[in-house]
PDB file of N, CA and C in Angstrom:
ATOM      1  N   MET A   1       0.803  -1.405   0.008  1.00  0.00           N
ATOM      2  CA  MET A   1       0.087  -0.103  -0.051  1.00  0.00           C
ATOM      3  C   MET A   1       0.591   1.151   0.079  1.00  0.00           C
ATOM      4  N   THR A   2       0.547   2.110  -0.733  1.00  0.00           N
ATOM      5  CA  THR A   2       1.279   3.297  -0.938  1.00  0.00           C
ATOM      6  C   THR A   2       0.752   4.649  -0.660  1.00  0.00           C
ATOM      7  N   ILE A   3       1.071   5.189  -0.059  1.00  0.00           N
ATOM      8  CA  ILE A   3      -0.027   6.587   0.265  1.00  0.00           C
ATOM      9  C   ILE A   3       0.621   7.592  -0.777  1.00  0.00           C
ATOM     10  N   LEU A   4      -0.350   7.949  -1.323  1.00  0.00           N
ATOM     11  CA  LEU A   4      -0.652   9.087  -2.430  1.00  0.00           C
ATOM     12  C   LEU A   4      -1.218  10.413  -1.594  1.00  0.00           C
ATOM     13  N   SER A   5      -1.429  11.350  -2.521  1.00  0.00           N
ATOM     14  CA  SER A   5      -1.969  13.019  -2.089  1.00  0.00           C
ATOM     15  C   SER A   5      -2.358  13.389  -3.362  1.00  0.00           C
ATOM     16  N   ARG A   6      -3.142  14.317  -3.157  1.00  0.00           N
ATOM     17  CA  ARG A   6      -3.632  14.971  -4.015  1.00  0.00           C
ATOM     18  C   ARG A   6      -3.442  16.516  -3.924  1.00  0.00           C
ATOM     19  N   PRO A   7      -2.886  17.243  -5.266  1.00  0.00           N
ATOM     20  CA  PRO A   7      -2.929  18.842  -4.788  1.00  0.00           C
ATOM     21  C   PRO A   7      -3.485  19.337  -3.695  1.00  0.00           C
ATOM     22  N   SER A   8      -5.030  18.962  -3.104  1.00  0.00           N
ATOM     23  CA  SER A   8      -5.575  19.882  -2.282  1.00  0.00           C
ATOM     24  C   SER A   8      -5.167  19.513  -1.006  1.00  0.00           C
ATOM     25  N   PHE A   9      -4.261  18.378  -0.893  1.00  0.00           N
ATOM     26  CA  PHE A   9      -3.722  18.042   0.532  1.00  0.00           C
ATOM     27  C   PHE A   9      -2.497  18.750   0.463  1.00  0.00           C
ATOM     28  N   ASP A  10      -1.435  18.763  -0.637  1.00  0.00           N
ATOM     29  CA  ASP A  10      -0.558  19.361  -0.634  1.00  0.00           C
ATOM     30  C   ASP A  10      -0.367  21.238  -0.237  1.00  0.00           C
ATOM     31  N   ARG A  11      -1.439  21.675  -0.869  1.00  0.00           N
ATOM     32  CA  ARG A  11      -1.952  22.887  -0.567  1.00  0.00           C
ATOM     33  C   ARG A  11      -2.037  23.240   0.910  1.00  0.00           C
ATOM     34  N   ALA A  12      -3.110  22.398   1.474  1.00  0.00           N
ATOM     35  CA  ALA A  12      -3.337  22.656   2.779  1.00  0.00           C
ATOM     36  C   ALA A  12      -2.262  22.054   3.601  1.00  0.00           C
ATOM     37  N   PHE A  13      -1.607  21.087   3.550  1.00  0.00           N
ATOM     38  CA  PHE A  13      -0.287  20.501   4.442  1.00  0.00           C
ATOM     39  C   PHE A  13       0.789  21.413   4.345  1.00  0.00           C
ATOM     40  N   SER A  14       0.811  22.563   3.318  1.00  0.00           N
ATOM     41  CA  SER A  14       1.967  23.177   3.042  1.00  0.00           C
ATOM     42  C   SER A  14       1.574  24.540   4.369  1.00  0.00           C
ATOM     43  N   GLY A  15       0.456  24.771   4.525  1.00  0.00           N
ATOM     44  CA  GLY A  15       0.342  25.940   5.298  1.00  0.00           C
ATOM     45  C   GLY A  15       0.127  25.624   6.983  1.00  0.00           C
ATOM     46  N   LEU A  16       0.599  24.147   7.310  1.00  0.00           N
ATOM     47  CA  LEU A  16       0.844  23.893   8.713  1.00  0.00           C
ATOM     48  C   LEU A  16       2.051  24.340   9.110  1.00  0.00           C
ATOM     49  N   ASP A  17       2.412  24.356  10.527  1.00  0.00           N
ATOM     50  CA  ASP A  17       3.681  24.636  11.157  1.00  0.00           C
ATOM     51  C   ASP A  17       4.168  22.922  11.339  1.00  0.00           C
ATOM     52  N   SER A  18       5.644  23.287  11.340  1.00  0.00           N
ATOM     53  CA  SER A  18       6.546  21.906  11.259  1.00  0.00           C
ATOM     54  C   SER A  18       5.969  20.914  12.175  1.00  0.00           C
ATOM     55  N   GLU A  19       5.952  21.180  13.643  1.00  0.00           N
ATOM     56  CA  GLU A  19       5.400  20.411  14.242  1.00  0.00           C
ATOM     57  C   GLU A  19       4.169  19.572  14.133  1.00  0.00           C
ATOM     58  N   THR A  20       3.011  20.145  13.325  1.00  0.00           N
ATOM     59  CA  THR A  20       1.917  19.414  13.113  1.00  0.00           C
ATOM     60  C   THR A  20       2.216  18.861  11.602  1.00  0.00           C
ATOM     61  N   LYS A  21       2.755  19.297  10.887  1.00  0.00           N
ATOM     62  CA  LYS A  21       3.372  18.535   9.833  1.00  0.00           C
ATOM     63  C   LYS A  21       3.769  16.615  10.113  1.00  0.00           C
ATOM     64  N   ALA A  22       4.954  16.988  11.188  1.00  0.00           N
ATOM     65  CA  ALA A  22       5.442  15.826  11.778  1.00  0.00           C
ATOM     66  C   ALA A  22       4.281  14.837  12.131  1.00  0.00           C
ATOM     67  N   GLU A  23       3.356  15.346  12.926  1.00  0.00           N
ATOM     68  CA  GLU A  23       2.522  15.030  13.343  1.00  0.00           C
ATOM     69  C   GLU A  23       1.508  14.163  12.561  1.00  0.00           C
ATOM     70  N   VAL A  24       1.174  14.570  11.481  1.00  0.00           N
ATOM     71  CA  VAL A  24       0.665  14.200  10.303  1.00  0.00           C
ATOM     72  C   VAL A  24       1.045  13.223   9.656  1.00  0.00           C
ATOM     73  N   ARG A  25       2.338  13.192   9.234  1.00  0.00           N
ATOM     74  CA  ARG A  25       3.248  12.107   8.600  1.00  0.00           C
ATOM     75  C   ARG A  25       3.301  11.157   9.483  1.00  0.00           C
ATOM     76  N   SER A  26       3.640  11.184  10.626  1.00  0.00           N
ATOM     77  CA  SER A  26       3.277  10.056  11.621  1.00  0.00           C
ATOM     78  C   SER A  26       1.939   9.017  11.996  1.00  0.00           C
ATOM     79  N   ALA A  27       0.948   9.909  11.922  1.00  0.00           N
ATOM     80  CA  ALA A  27      -0.321   9.210  11.470  1.00  0.00           C
ATOM     81  C   ALA A  27      -0.736   8.654  10.451  1.00  0.00           C
ATOM     82  N   ALA A  28      -0.248   9.276   8.934  1.00  0.00           N
ATOM     83  CA  ALA A  28      -0.252   8.582   7.561  1.00  0.00           C
ATOM     84  C   ALA A  28       0.545   7.352   8.061  1.00  0.00           C
ATOM     85  N   ALA A  29       1.629   7.152   8.369  1.00  0.00           N
ATOM     86  CA  ALA A  29       2.142   6.490   8.105  1.00  0.00           C
ATOM     87  C   ALA A  29       1.821   4.887   8.897  1.00  0.00           C
ATOM     88  N   LEU A  30       1.043   5.131   9.741  1.00  0.00           N
ATOM     89  CA  LEU A  30      -0.041   4.370  10.581  1.00  0.00           C
ATOM     90  C   LEU A  30      -0.934   3.326   9.708  1.00  0.00           C
ATOM     91  N   LEU A  31      -1.650   4.454   9.051  1.00  0.00           N
ATOM     92  CA  LEU A  31      -2.655   3.953   7.875  1.00  0.00           C
ATOM     93  C   LEU A  31      -2.900   2.762   7.030  1.00  0.00           C
ATOM     94  N   PRO A  32      -1.625   2.345   6.048  1.00  0.00           N
ATOM     95  CA  PRO A  32      -1.605   1.167   5.897  1.00  0.00           C
ATOM     96  C   PRO A  32      -1.561   0.317   6.619  1.00  0.00           C
ATOM     97  N   GLN A  33      -1.019  -0.126   7.637  1.00  0.00           N
ATOM     98  CA  GLN A  33      -1.409  -1.128   8.672  1.00  0.00           C
ATOM     99  C   GLN A  33      -3.210  -0.889   9.376  1.00  0.00           C
ATOM    100  N   ALA A  34      -3.268   0.171   9.564  1.00  0.00           N
ATOM    101  CA  ALA A  34      -4.636   0.256  10.301  1.00  0.00           C
ATOM    102  C   ALA A  34      -6.035   0.285   9.421  1.00  0.00           C
ATOM    103  N   PHE A  35      -5.690   0.724   8.196  1.00  0.00           N
ATOM    104  CA  PHE A  35      -7.230   0.516   7.418  1.00  0.00           C
ATOM    105  C   PHE A  35      -7.622  -0.521   7.461  1.00  0.00           C
ATOM    106  N   GLY A  36      -9.082  -0.679   7.804  1.00  0.00           N
ATOM    107  CA  GLY A  36      -9.609  -1.970   7.388  1.00  0.00           C
ATOM    108  C   GLY A  36      -9.517  -2.993   8.558  1.00  0.00           C
ATOM    109  N   LYS A  37      -8.681  -2.642   9.920  1.00  0.00           N
ATOM    110  CA  LYS A  37      -8.803  -3.526  10.592  1.00  0.00           C
ATOM    111  C   LYS A  37      -9.132  -2.547  12.228  1.00  0.00           C
ATOM    112  N   PRO A  38     -10.204  -2.788  12.382  1.00  0.00           N
ATOM    113  CA  PRO A  38     -11.143  -1.735  13.130  1.00  0.00           C
ATOM    114  C   PRO A  38     -10.716  -1.871  14.685  1.00  0.00           C
ATOM    115  N   HIS A  39      -9.948  -2.591  14.927  1.00  0.00           N
ATOM    116  CA  HIS A  39      -9.223  -2.754  16.583  1.00  0.00           C
ATOM    117  C   HIS A  39      -8.021  -1.967  16.148  1.00  0.00           C
ATOM    118  N   VAL A  40      -7.602  -2.101  15.061  1.00  0.00           N
ATOM    119  CA  VAL A  40      -6.324  -0.953  14.926  1.00  0.00           C
ATOM    120  C   VAL A  40      -6.252   0.556  14.660  1.00  0.00           C
ATOM    121  N   HIS A  41      -7.277   0.838  13.755  1.00  0.00           N
ATOM    122  CA  HIS A  41      -7.578   1.991  13.386  1.00  0.00           C
ATOM    123  C   HIS A  41      -8.006   2.647  14.549  1.00  0.00           C
ATOM    124  N   ALA A  42      -8.407   2.210  15.747  1.00  0.00           N
ATOM    125  CA  ALA A  42      -9.356   2.705  16.314  1.00  0.00           C
ATOM    126  C   ALA A  42      -8.394   4.211  16.989  1.00  0.00           C
ATOM    127  N   GLY A  43      -7.337   3.938  17.095  1.00  0.00           N
ATOM    128  CA  GLY A  43      -6.304   4.995  17.481  1.00  0.00           C
ATOM    129  C   GLY A  43      -6.149   6.194  16.818  1.00  0.00           C
ATOM    130  N   LEU A  44      -6.745   5.767  15.517  1.00  0.00           N
ATOM    131  CA  LEU A  44      -6.160   6.921  14.262  1.00  0.00           C
ATOM    132  C   LEU A  44      -7.683   7.715  14.264  1.00  0.00           C
ATOM    133  N   GLY A  45      -8.705   6.654  14.972  1.00  0.00           N
ATOM    134  CA  GLY A  45     -10.299   7.152  14.496  1.00  0.00           C
ATOM    135  C   GLY A  45     -10.794   7.118  13.007  1.00  0.00           C
ATOM    136  N   VAL A  46     -10.216   6.300  12.328  1.00  0.00           N
ATOM    137  CA  VAL A  46     -10.532   6.318  10.997  1.00  0.00           C
ATOM    138  C   VAL A  46     -12.380   5.920  11.335  1.00  0.00           C
ATOM    139  N   ARG A  47     -12.728   6.890  10.202  1.00  0.00           N
ATOM    140  CA  ARG A  47     -14.284   7.033  10.058  1.00  0.00           C
ATOM    141  C   ARG A  47     -14.612   7.043   8.691  1.00  0.00           C
ATOM    142  N   LYS A  48     -15.796   7.114   8.315  1.00  0.00           N
ATOM    143  CA  LYS A  48     -16.536   7.359   6.885  1.00  0.00           C
ATOM    144  C   LYS A  48     -17.152   8.896   7.071  1.00  0.00           C
ATOM    145  N   VAL A  49     -16.957   9.551   5.936  1.00  0.00           N
ATOM    146  CA  VAL A  49     -17.422  10.959   6.111  1.00  0.00           C
ATOM    147  C   VAL A  49     -17.923  11.400   4.736  1.00  0.00           C
ATOM    148  N   GLY A  50     -19.173  11.144   4.272  1.00  0.00           N
ATOM    149  CA  GLY A  50     -19.664  11.331   2.992  1.00  0.00           C
ATOM    150  C   GLY A  50     -18.984   9.914   2.226  1.00  0.00           C
ATOM    151  N   LYS A  51     -18.206  10.575   1.075  1.00  0.00           N
ATOM    152  CA  LYS A  51     -17.411   9.776   0.203  1.00  0.00           C
ATOM    153  C   LYS A  51     -16.253   9.494   0.482  1.00  0.00           C
ATOM    154  N   TYR A  52     -15.716  10.284   1.803  1.00  0.00           N
ATOM    155  CA  TYR A  52     -14.125  10.070   1.570  1.00  0.00           C
ATOM    156  C   TYR A  52     -14.368   9.081   3.375  1.00  0.00           C
ATOM    157  N   PHE A  53     -13.290   8.601   3.619  1.00  0.00           N
ATOM    158  CA  PHE A  53     -12.578   8.435   4.843  1.00  0.00           C
ATOM    159  C   PHE A  53     -11.745   9.781   5.613  1.00  0.00           C
ATOM    160  N   GLU A  54     -11.963   9.404   7.054  1.00  0.00           N
ATOM    161  CA  GLU A  54     -11.355  10.314   7.817  1.00  0.00           C
ATOM    162  C   GLU A  54     -10.333   9.906   9.056  1.00  0.00           C
ATOM    163  N   PHE A  55      -9.096  10.559   9.106  1.00  0.00           N
ATOM    164  CA  PHE A  55      -8.585   9.807  10.105  1.00  0.00           C
ATOM    165  C   PHE A  55      -7.974  11.464  11.266  1.00  0.00           C
ATOM    166  N   ARG A  56      -8.002  11.130  12.697  1.00  0.00           N
ATOM    167  CA  ARG A  56      -7.475  11.957  13.389  1.00  0.00           C
ATOM    168  C   ARG A  56      -6.170  12.329  13.506  1.00  0.00           C
ATOM    169  N   VAL A  57      -5.473  13.572  13.730  1.00  0.00           N
ATOM    170  CA  VAL A  57      -4.381  13.672  13.747  1.00  0.00           C
ATOM    171  C   VAL A  57      -4.141  14.656  15.215  1.00  0.00           C
ATOM    172  N   GLY A  58      -4.401  14.083  16.692  1.00  0.00           N
ATOM    173  CA  GLY A  58      -4.226  14.556  17.786  1.00  0.00           C
ATOM    174  C   GLY A  58      -5.703  15.156  18.058  1.00  0.00           C
ATOM    175  N   LEU A  59      -5.964  16.324  18.884  1.00  0.00           N
ATOM    176  CA  LEU A  59      -7.165  16.596  19.085  1.00  0.00           C
ATOM    177  C   LEU A  59      -7.794  17.475  18.080  1.00  0.00           C
ATOM    178  N   LYS A  60      -7.008  18.061  17.410  1.00  0.00           N
ATOM    179  CA  LYS A  60      -7.741  19.423  16.484  1.00  0.00           C
ATOM    180  C   LYS A  60      -7.316  18.508  15.114  1.00  0.00           C
ATOM    181  N   TRP A  61      -6.395  18.146  14.554  1.00  0.00           N
ATOM    182  CA  TRP A  61      -6.308  18.170  12.774  1.00  0.00           C
ATOM    183  C   TRP A  61      -6.919  17.005  12.458  1.00  0.00           C
ATOM    184  N   ARG A  62      -7.542  16.691  11.193  1.00  0.00           N
ATOM    185  CA  ARG A  62      -8.315  15.708  10.637  1.00  0.00           C
ATOM    186  C   ARG A  62      -7.702  15.797   9.396  1.00  0.00           C
ATOM    187  N   VAL A  63      -7.652  14.044   8.595  1.00  0.00           N
ATOM    188  CA  VAL A  63      -7.082  14.252   7.408  1.00  0.00           C
ATOM    189  C   VAL A  63      -8.290  13.137   6.452  1.00  0.00           C
ATOM    190  N   LEU A  64      -8.753  13.860   5.549  1.00  0.00           N
ATOM    191  CA  LEU A  64      -9.680  13.252   4.285  1.00  0.00           C
ATOM    192  C   LEU A  64      -8.560  12.245   3.648  1.00  0.00           C
ATOM    193  N   PHE A  65      -9.577  11.132   3.400  1.00  0.00           N
ATOM    194  CA  PHE A  65      -8.479  10.116   2.385  1.00  0.00           C
ATOM    195  C   PHE A  65      -9.529  10.092   1.765  1.00  0.00           C
ATOM    196  N   LEU A  66      -8.988   8.953   0.423  1.00  0.00           N
ATOM    197  CA  LEU A  66      -9.677   8.194  -0.566  1.00  0.00           C
ATOM    198  C   LEU A  66      -9.358   6.663  -0.598  1.00  0.00           C
ATOM    199  N   ILE A  67      -9.536   5.801  -0.884  1.00  0.00           N
ATOM    200  CA  ILE A  67      -9.193   4.573  -1.045  1.00  0.00           C
ATOM    201  C   ILE A  67      -8.883   4.077  -2.903  1.00  0.00           C
ATOM    202  N   ARG A  68      -8.006   4.378  -3.237  1.00  0.00           N
ATOM    203  CA  ARG A  68      -8.242   4.114  -5.091  1.00  0.00           C
ATOM    204  C   ARG A  68      -7.147   3.129  -5.250  1.00  0.00           C
ATOM    205  N   LYS A  69      -7.649   1.753  -5.771  1.00  0.00           N
ATOM    206  CA  LYS A  69      -6.613   0.980  -5.936  1.00  0.00           C
ATOM    207  C   LYS A  69      -6.262   0.170  -5.187  1.00  0.00           C
ATOM    208  N   GLY A  70      -6.472  -0.003  -3.814  1.00  0.00           N
ATOM    209  CA  GLY A  70      -5.853  -0.181  -2.627  1.00  0.00           C
ATOM    210  C   GLY A  70      -5.213   0.707  -2.225  1.00  0.00           C
ATOM    211  N   ASP A  71      -4.706   1.805  -2.309  1.00  0.00           N
ATOM    212  CA  ASP A  71      -4.060   2.757  -1.444  1.00  0.00           C
ATOM    213  C   ASP A  71      -4.582   3.991  -1.331  1.00  0.00           C
ATOM    214  N   PRO A  72      -4.379   4.465  -0.408  1.00  0.00           N
ATOM    215  CA  PRO A  72      -4.982   5.631   0.225  1.00  0.00           C
ATOM    216  C   PRO A  72      -4.253   7.049  -0.115  1.00  0.00           C
ATOM    217  N   VAL A  73      -5.347   7.590  -0.412  1.00  0.00           N
ATOM    218  CA  VAL A  73      -5.077   8.982  -1.299  1.00  0.00           C
ATOM    219  C   VAL A  73      -5.262  10.243  -0.221  1.00  0.00           C
ATOM    220  N   LEU A  74      -4.521  11.037  -0.025  1.00  0.00           N
ATOM    221  CA  LEU A  74      -4.987  12.069   1.182  1.00  0.00           C
ATOM    222  C   LEU A  74      -5.410  12.971   0.274  1.00  0.00           C
ATOM    223  N   VAL A  75      -6.335  13.346   0.824  1.00  0.00           N
ATOM    224  CA  VAL A  75      -7.334  14.405   0.020  1.00  0.00           C
ATOM    225  C   VAL A  75      -7.010  15.949   0.487  1.00  0.00           C
ATOM    226  N   THR A  76      -6.920  16.180   1.588  1.00  0.00           N
ATOM    227  CA  THR A  76      -6.789  17.442   2.586  1.00  0.00           C
ATOM    228  C   THR A  76      -6.495  17.324   4.158  1.00  0.00           C
ATOM    229  N   VAL A  77      -6.234  18.500   4.586  1.00  0.00           N
ATOM    230  CA  VAL A  77      -6.013  18.045   6.097  1.00  0.00           C
ATOM    231  C   VAL A  77      -6.803  19.540   6.633  1.00  0.00           C
ATOM    232  N   GLY A  78      -6.919  19.713   7.771  1.00  0.00           N
ATOM    233  CA  GLY A  78      -7.236  20.873   8.401  1.00  0.00           C
ATOM    234  C   GLY A  78      -8.034  20.550   9.649  1.00  0.00           C
ATOM    235  N   ASP A  79      -8.694  21.476  10.240  1.00  0.00           N
ATOM    236  CA  ASP A  79     -10.023  21.164  11.414  1.00  0.00           C
ATOM    237  C   ASP A  79     -11.215  20.938  10.989  1.00  0.00           C
ATOM    238  N   HIS A  80     -11.614  20.426  12.239  1.00  0.00           N
ATOM    239  CA  HIS A  80     -13.346  20.009  11.881  1.00  0.00           C
ATOM    240  C   HIS A  80     -13.884  20.953  11.042  1.00  0.00           C
ATOM    241  N   GLY A  81     -13.894  22.104  11.167  1.00  0.00           N
ATOM    242  CA  GLY A  81     -14.666  23.044  10.306  1.00  0.00           C
ATOM    243  C   GLY A  81     -14.676  23.060   8.738  1.00  0.00           C
ATOM    244  N   ALA A  82     -13.122  22.776   8.666  1.00  0.00           N
ATOM    245  CA  ALA A  82     -12.470  22.773   7.255  1.00  0.00           C
ATOM    246  C   ALA A  82     -13.014  21.775   6.710  1.00  0.00           C
ATOM    247  N   MET A  83     -13.103  19.997   7.361  1.00  0.00           N
ATOM    248  CA  MET A  83     -13.323  19.218   6.902  1.00  0.00           C
ATOM    249  C   MET A  83     -14.931  18.907   6.276  1.00  0.00           C
ATOM    250  N   VAL A  84     -15.456  19.909   7.070  1.00  0.00           N
ATOM    251  CA  VAL A  84     -17.329  19.732   7.203  1.00  0.00           C
ATOM    252  C   VAL A  84     -17.556  20.500   5.880  1.00  0.00           C
ATOM    253  N   ARG A  85     -16.685  21.928   5.439  1.00  0.00           N
ATOM    254  CA  ARG A  85     -16.751  22.673   4.303  1.00  0.00           C
ATOM    255  C   ARG A  85     -16.216  21.799   3.055  1.00  0.00           C
ATOM    256  N   PHE A  86     -15.086  21.102   3.235  1.00  0.00           N
ATOM    257  CA  PHE A  86     -14.747  20.672   2.126  1.00  0.00           C
ATOM    258  C   PHE A  86     -15.747  19.307   1.714  1.00  0.00           C
ATOM    259  N   VAL A  87     -16.136  18.471   2.145  1.00  0.00           N
ATOM    260  CA  VAL A  87     -17.091  17.455   2.098  1.00  0.00           C
ATOM    261  C   VAL A  87     -18.176  18.326   1.354  1.00  0.00           C
ATOM    262  N   ARG A  88     -18.756  19.253   2.006  1.00  0.00           N
ATOM    263  CA  ARG A  88     -20.001  19.919   1.489  1.00  0.00           C
ATOM    264  C   ARG A  88     -19.591  20.483  -0.117  1.00  0.00           C
ATOM    265  N   GLU A  89     -18.373  21.093   0.050  1.00  0.00           N
ATOM    266  CA  GLU A  89     -18.119  21.455  -1.582  1.00  0.00           C
ATOM    267  C   GLU A  89     -17.922  20.978  -2.483  1.00  0.00           C
ATOM    268  N   ASN A  90     -17.375  19.370  -1.791  1.00  0.00           N
ATOM    269  CA  ASN A  90     -16.658  18.548  -3.057  1.00  0.00           C
ATOM    270  C   ASN A  90     -17.491  16.953  -2.640  1.00  0.00           C
ATOM    271  N   PRO A  91     -18.593  16.859  -2.978  1.00  0.00           N
ATOM    272  CA  PRO A  91     -19.516  15.811  -2.465  1.00  0.00           C
ATOM    273  C   PRO A  91     -19.172  14.656  -3.318  1.00  0.00           C
ATOM    274  N   LYS A  92     -18.542  14.961  -4.661  1.00  0.00           N
ATOM    275  CA  LYS A  92     -17.797  13.198  -5.405  1.00  0.00           C
ATOM    276  C   LYS A  92     -16.838  13.141  -4.939  1.00  0.00           C
ATOM    277  N   ALA A  93     -16.261  11.935  -4.894  1.00  0.00           N
ATOM    278  CA  ALA A  93     -15.022  11.910  -4.615  1.00  0.00           C
ATOM    279  C   ALA A  93     -14.017  11.635  -5.992  1.00  0.00           C
TER     280      ALA A  93
END
């Protein structure tokens, strides 16, 4: 499983501070082993959000992703409000 990203993720990620970027990288690295294993992914808080999936990074940050050809594709990163807006504005995966 290879972790991929969309330009929308890269733009949002570039606006984060270095500590948050490190936290996002660490959480994303756990995704391949955790996805599809409910007891393992509980720590990441993986859940379905519309056509997307979401995992938590700490208390504040969330990452939306899709699964394409078996690989996670990171779509965007932000706080809860940013995720709600993104899903509302981009209902189709």
